[in-house]
Protein backbone atom coordinates (compact mmCIF):
# COMPACT_ATOMS: atom_id res chain seq x y z
CA MET A 1 0.48 0.17 -0.03
CA ILE A 2 1.00 3.60 -0.92
CA ASN A 3 0.54 4.64 2.72
CA ASN A 4 3.63 1.90 3.86
CA MET A 5 6.21 3.84 1.39
CA VAL A 6 6.56 6.48 4.32
CA ILE A 7 9.75 5.57 6.15
CA GLY A 8 9.42 7.43 9.49
CA LEU A 9 7.48 11.08 9.65
CA GLU A 10 4.75 9.32 11.52
CA GLU A 11 4.28 13.27 12.61
CA VAL A 12 3.61 14.59 9.51
CA LYS A 13 2.23 11.89 7.51
CA GLN A 14 -0.87 12.03 10.39
CA ARG A 15 -0.99 15.42 10.36
CA LEU A 16 -1.94 15.57 6.86
CA LEU A 17 -4.08 12.79 6.89
CA GLN A 18 -6.46 14.46 9.51
CA MET A 19 -6.52 17.57 6.95
CA VAL A 20 -8.38 15.21 5.00
CA ARG A 21 -10.47 13.51 7.42
CA GLU A 22 -11.30 16.87 9.10
CA GLU A 23 -12.18 18.44 5.49
CA ARG A 24 -9.73 20.91 6.26
CA VAL A 25 -7.67 20.83 3.05
CA PRO A 26 -6.38 24.01 1.76
CA HIS A 27 -6.01 24.58 -1.84
CA ALA A 28 -2.25 24.58 -2.14
CA LEU A 29 0.47 22.85 0.13
CA MET A 30 3.64 22.98 -0.08
CA LEU A 31 6.00 20.03 1.66
CA CYS A 32 9.19 21.85 1.89
CA GLY A 33 12.90 19.58 3.15
CA PRO A 34 16.09 18.10 1.82
CA ALA A 35 16.29 15.32 -1.48
CA GLY A 36 15.49 12.11 0.29
CA CYS A 37 13.45 13.07 3.23
CA GLY A 38 10.14 11.26 1.68
CA LYS A 39 8.23 14.44 0.40
CA MET A 40 6.78 12.88 -2.16
CA ALA A 41 6.00 9.22 -0.20
CA LEU A 42 3.87 11.79 1.93
CA ALA A 43 2.01 13.54 -1.33
CA LEU A 44 1.34 10.33 -2.51
CA THR A 45 -0.13 9.13 1.10
CA MET A 46 -2.74 12.40 0.99
CA ALA A 47 -3.30 11.75 -2.71
CA THR A 48 -4.45 8.28 -2.13
CA GLU A 49 -6.66 9.84 0.95
CA LEU A 50 -8.18 12.13 -1.21
CA LEU A 51 -8.93 10.50 -4.32
CA SER A 52 -10.20 7.07 -2.51
CA THR A 53 -14.03 6.91 -3.30
CA GLY A 54 -16.87 4.69 -3.58
CA ASN A 55 -17.32 1.13 -2.14
CA GLY A 56 -17.03 -2.27 -3.24
CA GLN A 57 -15.85 -2.50 -7.23
CA GLN A 58 -15.45 1.21 -7.70
CA ALA A 59 -13.45 1.43 -4.52
CA ALA A 60 -11.12 -1.51 -5.59
CA ASN A 61 -10.77 0.03 -9.41
CA THR A 62 -9.72 3.60 -7.57
CA GLN A 63 -6.88 1.91 -5.50
CA ALA A 64 -5.71 -0.20 -8.65
CA MET A 65 -5.62 2.94 -10.32
CA LEU A 66 -3.65 5.02 -7.75
CA GLN A 67 -1.13 1.75 -7.51
CA SER A 68 -0.23 1.88 -11.05
CA MET A 69 -0.22 5.73 -10.75
CA GLN A 70 -2.77 5.88 -13.42
CA HIS A 71 -5.86 7.76 -11.67
CA PRO A 72 -7.38 10.61 -14.09
CA ASP A 73 -7.62 13.18 -11.37
CA LEU A 74 -4.04 12.59 -10.43
CA HIS A 75 -1.77 14.74 -12.09
CA PHE A 76 1.81 15.04 -11.91
CA THR A 77 3.98 18.02 -13.04
CA TYR A 78 8.15 17.48 -12.66
CA PRO A 79 11.33 19.31 -14.60
CA THR A 80 12.02 17.77 -18.17
CA ILE A 81 14.29 17.98 -21.25
CA LYS A 82 14.01 18.82 -24.74
CA LEU A 83 15.27 15.73 -26.47
CA PRO A 84 16.95 16.15 -29.93
CA SER A 85 13.77 14.38 -31.60
CA MET A 86 11.86 17.18 -30.54
CA GLY A 87 10.71 19.77 -33.03
CA SER A 88 12.59 23.26 -32.72
CA GLU A 89 9.04 25.22 -31.62
CA HIS A 90 8.23 22.25 -29.15
CA GLN A 91 8.25 23.14 -25.63
CA PRO A 92 8.81 19.49 -23.48
CA VAL A 93 6.18 18.74 -21.17
CA SER A 94 5.90 16.38 -18.42
CA SER A 95 3.42 13.98 -20.69
CA ASP A 96 6.07 14.02 -22.75
CA PHE A 97 7.87 11.48 -20.17
CA ALA A 98 4.43 10.17 -18.81
CA THR A 99 5.99 6.66 -19.12
CA GLU A 100 9.38 7.17 -17.70
CA TRP A 101 8.15 8.97 -14.98
CA ARG A 102 5.65 6.27 -14.24
CA GLU A 103 8.05 3.79 -14.46
CA LEU A 104 10.46 5.48 -11.58
CA LEU A 105 7.40 5.99 -9.75
CA MET A 106 6.45 2.48 -9.59
CA LYS A 107 9.67 1.22 -8.10
CA SER A 108 9.73 3.88 -5.31
CA PRO A 109 8.87 7.38 -4.31
CA TYR A 110 12.24 8.34 -3.18
CA PHE A 111 14.48 9.03 -6.03
CA SER A 112 16.85 12.02 -7.35
CA MET A 113 17.58 14.27 -9.87
CA ASP A 114 19.90 12.11 -11.08
CA GLU A 115 17.90 9.01 -11.49
CA TRP A 116 15.57 11.03 -13.35
CA MET A 117 17.47 12.87 -15.90
CA THR A 118 18.73 8.91 -16.46
CA ALA A 119 15.00 8.04 -17.14
CA MET A 120 14.75 10.66 -19.60
CA GLY A 121 17.93 10.55 -21.39
CA ALA A 122 19.47 13.22 -20.63
CA ALA A 123 22.96 14.72 -21.53
CA ASN A 124 24.29 17.92 -20.59
CA GLN A 125 20.77 19.49 -20.03
CA GLN A 126 18.86 21.26 -16.95
CA ALA A 127 15.73 20.08 -16.09
CA ILE A 128 12.82 22.66 -16.08
CA ILE A 129 9.42 23.24 -15.77
CA THR A 130 8.48 25.29 -18.69
CA GLY A 131 5.52 27.71 -19.79
CA ALA A 132 3.55 24.71 -21.81
CA GLU A 133 3.97 22.83 -19.04
CA SER A 134 1.74 25.63 -16.78
CA ASP A 135 -0.87 25.56 -19.92
CA GLU A 136 -1.40 22.03 -20.06
CA LEU A 137 -1.98 21.71 -16.59
CA SER A 138 -4.58 24.40 -16.55
CA ARG A 139 -6.12 22.45 -19.51
CA LYS A 140 -6.24 19.50 -17.71
CA LEU A 141 -7.78 20.65 -14.34
CA SER A 142 -10.32 23.15 -16.08
CA LEU A 143 -11.99 19.22 -16.68
CA LYS A 144 -13.94 18.09 -14.41
CA SER A 145 -13.48 14.92 -12.07
CA SER A 146 -13.46 12.00 -13.57
CA GLN A 147 -14.29 10.16 -10.33
CA GLY A 148 -16.42 13.31 -8.98
CA GLY A 149 -14.33 14.18 -6.32
CA TYR A 150 -11.02 15.67 -5.98
CA LYS A 151 -8.33 16.18 -8.42
CA VAL A 152 -4.92 16.47 -6.89
CA SER A 153 -2.10 18.25 -9.13
CA ILE A 154 1.41 17.10 -7.50
CA ILE A 155 4.49 19.40 -8.42
CA TRP A 156 8.04 17.76 -8.21
CA LEU A 157 10.52 20.62 -7.34
CA PRO A 158 8.34 24.01 -8.31
CA GLU A 159 11.90 26.09 -8.02
CA ARG A 160 13.02 25.07 -11.31
CA MET A 161 9.65 26.40 -13.20
CA ASN A 162 10.85 29.09 -15.47
CA LEU A 163 9.31 32.50 -14.89
CA THR A 164 6.88 31.92 -17.29
CA SER A 165 5.69 28.92 -15.90
CA ALA A 166 5.99 30.38 -12.66
CA ASN A 167 3.43 33.51 -13.36
CA LYS A 168 1.31 31.08 -14.84
CA LEU A 169 0.77 28.53 -12.09
CA LEU A 170 0.35 31.91 -9.90
CA LYS A 171 -3.00 32.93 -11.83
CA LEU A 172 -3.98 28.80 -11.32
CA LEU A 173 -3.03 29.24 -7.42
CA GLU A 174 -5.17 32.86 -7.17
CA GLU A 175 -7.98 30.99 -8.96
CA PRO A 176 -7.92 27.32 -7.86
CA PRO A 177 -10.22 25.18 -10.08
CA HIS A 178 -13.25 23.77 -8.06
CA GLN A 179 -12.33 21.12 -5.65
CA THR A 180 -8.61 20.91 -6.45
CA VAL A 181 -5.72 20.59 -4.22
CA PHE A 182 -1.98 21.59 -5.17
CA ILE A 183 0.87 19.53 -3.41
CA MET A 184 4.08 21.17 -4.13
CA LEU A 185 7.28 19.23 -2.96
CA CYS A 186 9.95 21.52 -2.72
CA GLU A 187 13.99 21.81 -1.69
CA GLU A 188 14.42 25.37 -2.03
CA PRO A 189 12.00 27.31 -1.53
CA GLU A 190 13.55 30.64 -1.21
CA LYS A 191 14.06 30.13 -5.21
CA LEU A 192 9.87 30.68 -5.91
CA LEU A 193 8.18 33.59 -6.53
CA ASP A 194 7.10 35.34 -3.21
CA THR A 195 3.32 35.48 -4.54
CA ILE A 196 3.13 31.36 -4.92
CA ARG A 197 4.66 31.15 -1.26
CA SER A 198 2.03 33.28 0.01
CA ARG A 199 -0.71 31.35 -1.44
CA THR A 200 0.35 28.20 -0.16
CA GLN A 201 0.28 26.52 3.43
CA ARG A 202 4.32 25.56 4.21
CA ILE A 203 5.05 21.95 5.87
CA ASP A 204 8.58 21.58 6.67
CA VAL A 205 9.45 18.13 6.49
CA ARG A 206 12.21 17.31 8.63
CA ARG A 207 15.24 14.82 8.12
CA ILE A 208 14.14 11.13 8.58
CA SER A 209 15.26 10.09 12.39
CA THR A 210 18.39 7.52 12.08
CA ASP A 211 16.36 5.08 14.14
CA ALA A 212 13.46 4.86 11.33
CA ILE A 213 15.92 4.75 8.84
CA GLU A 214 18.04 1.72 10.72
CA GLU A 215 14.82 0.07 11.17
CA ALA A 216 13.61 0.32 7.71
CA LEU A 217 17.15 -1.08 6.63
CA VAL A 218 16.66 -4.09 8.61
CA GLN A 219 13.00 -4.75 7.52
CA GLN A 220 13.22 -3.81 3.85
CA ARG A 221 16.95 -4.73 2.93
CA GLY A 222 17.58 -7.09 5.14
CA LEU A 223 20.73 -5.76 7.07
CA ASP A 224 22.05 -6.55 10.12
CA GLU A 225 21.57 -4.51 12.61
CA GLU A 226 25.17 -3.30 13.12
CA THR A 227 25.56 -2.47 9.40
CA ALA A 228 22.44 -0.85 9.05
CA HIS A 229 23.09 1.35 12.30
CA ARG A 230 26.61 2.44 10.38
CA VAL A 231 24.73 3.06 7.01
CA ALA A 232 21.48 5.30 8.96
CA ARG A 233 23.98 7.50 10.53
CA VAL A 234 25.90 8.19 7.64
CA SER A 235 22.52 9.02 5.47
CA ASN A 236 22.25 11.96 7.58
CA GLY A 237 18.25 11.55 7.65
CA SER A 238 18.28 10.78 3.88
CA TRP A 239 16.62 7.61 2.70
CA LEU A 240 18.57 8.22 -0.94
CA ARG A 241 21.79 8.55 0.55
CA ALA A 242 21.05 5.58 2.84
CA ILE A 243 20.65 3.16 -0.25
CA GLU A 244 23.64 4.89 -2.01
CA ALA A 245 25.72 3.80 0.52
CA LEU A 246 24.36 0.47 -0.12
CA SER A 247 25.53 0.78 -4.05
CA MET A 248 29.22 0.05 -4.29
CA GLY A 249 30.49 2.48 -7.17
CA ASN A 250 27.83 4.83 -6.70
CA GLU A 251 28.29 8.31 -7.89
CA ASN A 252 29.35 9.64 -4.35
CA ARG A 253 32.71 7.40 -4.62
CA MET A 254 33.64 9.30 -7.70
CA PHE A 255 33.13 12.63 -6.31
CA LEU A 256 35.30 11.80 -3.34
CA ASP A 257 37.83 10.97 -5.51
CA MET A 258 37.48 14.38 -7.37
CA PHE A 259 37.39 15.99 -3.91
CA ILE A 260 40.27 14.26 -2.81
CA MET A 261 42.29 14.85 -5.93
CA LEU A 262 40.89 18.89 -5.96
CA MET A 263 42.59 19.32 -2.40
CA ARG A 264 45.85 17.21 -3.06
CA LEU A 265 46.52 19.07 -5.86
CA ALA A 266 45.78 22.50 -4.48
CA PHE A 267 47.81 21.95 -1.58
CA THR A 268 50.89 20.73 -3.23
CA ARG A 269 50.24 23.93 -5.94
CA ASN A 270 50.06 22.09 -9.09
CA LEU A 271 48.79 23.97 -11.10
CA LYS A 272 49.18 21.65 -14.54
CA GLU A 273 47.57 18.95 -13.06
CA LEU A 274 44.67 21.11 -11.63
CA LYS A 275 44.09 22.64 -15.24
CA ARG A 276 43.83 19.25 -16.26
CA TRP A 277 41.31 18.38 -13.29
CA SER A 278 39.10 21.58 -14.21
CA GLU A 279 38.73 20.23 -17.75
CA SER A 280 37.65 16.84 -16.86
CA VAL A 281 34.83 17.79 -14.11
CA GLY A 282 34.06 20.70 -16.72
CA GLY A 283 33.01 18.04 -19.18
CA TYR A 284 30.36 16.60 -17.00
CA GLY A 285 26.58 17.71 -17.58
CA ARG A 286 25.77 20.72 -15.51
CA GLU A 287 23.55 18.54 -13.21
CA LYS A 288 26.13 16.52 -12.35
CA GLN A 289 28.25 19.31 -11.67
CA LYS A 290 25.77 20.76 -9.46
CA ARG A 291 25.31 17.41 -7.59
CA MET A 292 29.15 17.39 -7.20
CA LEU A 293 29.69 20.83 -6.03
CA THR A 294 26.98 20.07 -3.42
CA TYR A 295 28.74 16.97 -2.05
CA PHE A 296 32.27 19.40 -2.10
CA MET A 297 29.90 21.31 0.54
CA GLN A 298 29.08 18.89 2.66
CA GLN A 299 32.61 17.38 2.65
CA VAL A 300 33.95 20.79 3.87
CA ARG A 301 31.23 20.40 6.67
CA GLU A 302 32.14 17.35 7.63
CA ASN A 303 35.97 17.85 8.13
CA PHE A 304 35.68 20.92 9.88
CA MET A 305 33.36 18.80 12.03
CA TYR A 306 35.77 16.18 12.63
CA ASN A 307 38.51 18.23 13.95
CA PHE A 308 35.74 18.21 17.05
CA HIS A 309 36.37 14.63 17.75
CA VAL A 310 32.71 14.08 18.31
CA PRO A 311 31.32 11.00 16.36
CA GLU A 312 27.82 12.40 17.02
CA LEU A 313 28.56 15.27 14.98
CA SER A 314 30.36 13.30 11.97
CA TYR A 315 28.54 12.09 9.41
CA MET A 316 31.22 10.04 7.00
CA THR A 317 31.17 6.57 5.28
CA GLN A 318 34.38 4.86 6.18
CA ASP A 319 36.05 5.93 2.76
CA GLU A 320 35.42 9.50 3.78
CA GLU A 321 36.52 9.12 7.08
CA GLU A 322 39.75 7.58 5.80
CA PHE A 323 40.80 10.80 3.92
CA SER A 324 39.92 12.99 6.56
CA LYS A 325 41.97 11.56 9.19
CA LYS A 326 45.41 13.70 7.68
CA PHE A 327 42.89 16.18 5.90
CA ALA A 328 40.68 17.57 8.18
CA ARG A 329 43.10 19.88 10.14
CA PHE A 330 43.36 22.25 6.76
CA ILE A 331 39.64 22.72 7.19
CA ASN A 332 39.82 25.07 9.88
CA GLU A 333 38.57 28.49 11.67
CA ALA A 334 40.25 30.60 9.41
CA ASN A 335 39.00 29.17 5.94
CA VAL A 336 36.02 27.01 6.38
CA VAL A 337 33.51 29.96 5.53
CA GLU A 338 35.47 31.37 2.66
CA ILE A 339 35.49 27.61 1.04
CA THR A 340 32.05 27.13 1.78
CA GLU A 341 30.81 30.27 -0.13
CA LEU A 342 33.70 29.68 -2.99
CA LEU A 343 32.26 26.48 -3.49
CA ASP A 344 28.54 28.01 -2.96
CA ARG A 345 29.72 30.67 -5.65
CA ALA A 346 30.59 28.06 -8.36
CA LEU A 347 27.38 26.20 -7.87
CA ARG A 348 25.31 29.14 -8.37
CA ASP A 349 28.10 30.40 -11.76
CA ILE A 350 27.08 26.66 -12.97
CA GLY A 351 23.05 26.79 -12.65
CA GLN A 352 23.77 30.44 -13.98
CA ASN A 353 25.31 28.43 -17.54
CA ALA A 354 29.02 30.05 -17.00
CA ASN A 355 31.96 28.65 -18.93
CA ALA A 356 32.39 25.55 -16.12
CA LYS A 357 36.11 25.03 -17.13
CA VAL A 358 36.74 28.57 -16.16
CA VAL A 359 34.57 28.17 -13.17
CA PHE A 360 36.03 25.29 -12.16
CA PHE A 361 39.68 26.34 -12.42
CA GLU A 362 38.76 30.04 -10.91
CA LEU A 363 37.74 27.29 -7.99
CA ALA A 364 40.73 25.59 -8.19
CA LEU A 365 43.13 28.47 -8.02
CA GLN A 366 41.53 30.22 -5.14
CA MET A 367 41.20 26.73 -2.99
CA ILE A 368 45.38 26.91 -3.24
CA ILE A 369 44.89 30.29 -1.32
CA LEU A 370 42.36 29.25 1.18
CA LEU A 371 43.82 25.65 2.29
CA ARG A 372 46.98 27.95 3.20
CA LYS A 373 44.85 29.50 5.95
CA GLN A 374 45.29 28.67 9.64
């Protein structure tokens, strides 16, 4: 059952279900929280409660449609890319990738942007929600409910709307179609228009508790308690990260290698190899570059905390910890803020389509200076 998809987060889940049972559901909800905390699982749980109607065979049919993610009154909006096969005038919309979306969602409501980009067949593109998508959503929601009840619109990562799309969505929120509930799943709410945020009821979704992840790893993945405990600690409240930690050769292993290489080359002032490093990572797709920079910022934080020798404050895999034993002392009070700001600036520049090789070489040069600060 969909309800069983939610890992931990019992308080938030019950709060959403109670809204439905007491018939005080706002027309627009915004679930805010980090990737991997379970926002999609919560949204599907609430949508199931809203759309479950009828008795007997009708109820059974409704449940079957919900389980297969094909209920006619459940609409999904998500970032998309433009494929080479699409016409020059065509703006991609969610329905272009409906099959891929349904397949990914059926596997698990816990998935990353990377997984979604792979499912779409993305190369070096950034996924956005287009103005055409908002037009299509408006058309769909203007139709009567096929089952005579609610219509539910789940919008994954609304912060990826372009300005045209955002303004069109704002109009929908200002004059919502009859018996329509919008559930927006947001990781960076500050990127949304203030007018959109003001028209939604925000619910902050915290990271999943370590105990809940540990229990799920034992029950769903068959891990022994000791392994489950270590993986749960490293996951830092993200079921996605917990699953990644179980996967050998995952993307984070590669990011760790690139982080180690950057720091060693910067410390030894090896400009020739730093130039090669910047050209190498400059060839990644932009989404991958953004994930890598986010990972670098996380490692800077963990290395800084490692210096305090308080295990409860540190969340690292065994490989990450091995590197930190010797490296952590170079991330200290004198440079941790500047290094974090440097990485954050690079992340912003990549997001604004700056020349990636230039951005990464400049980052490498600045890192030479900052690592020497004590």
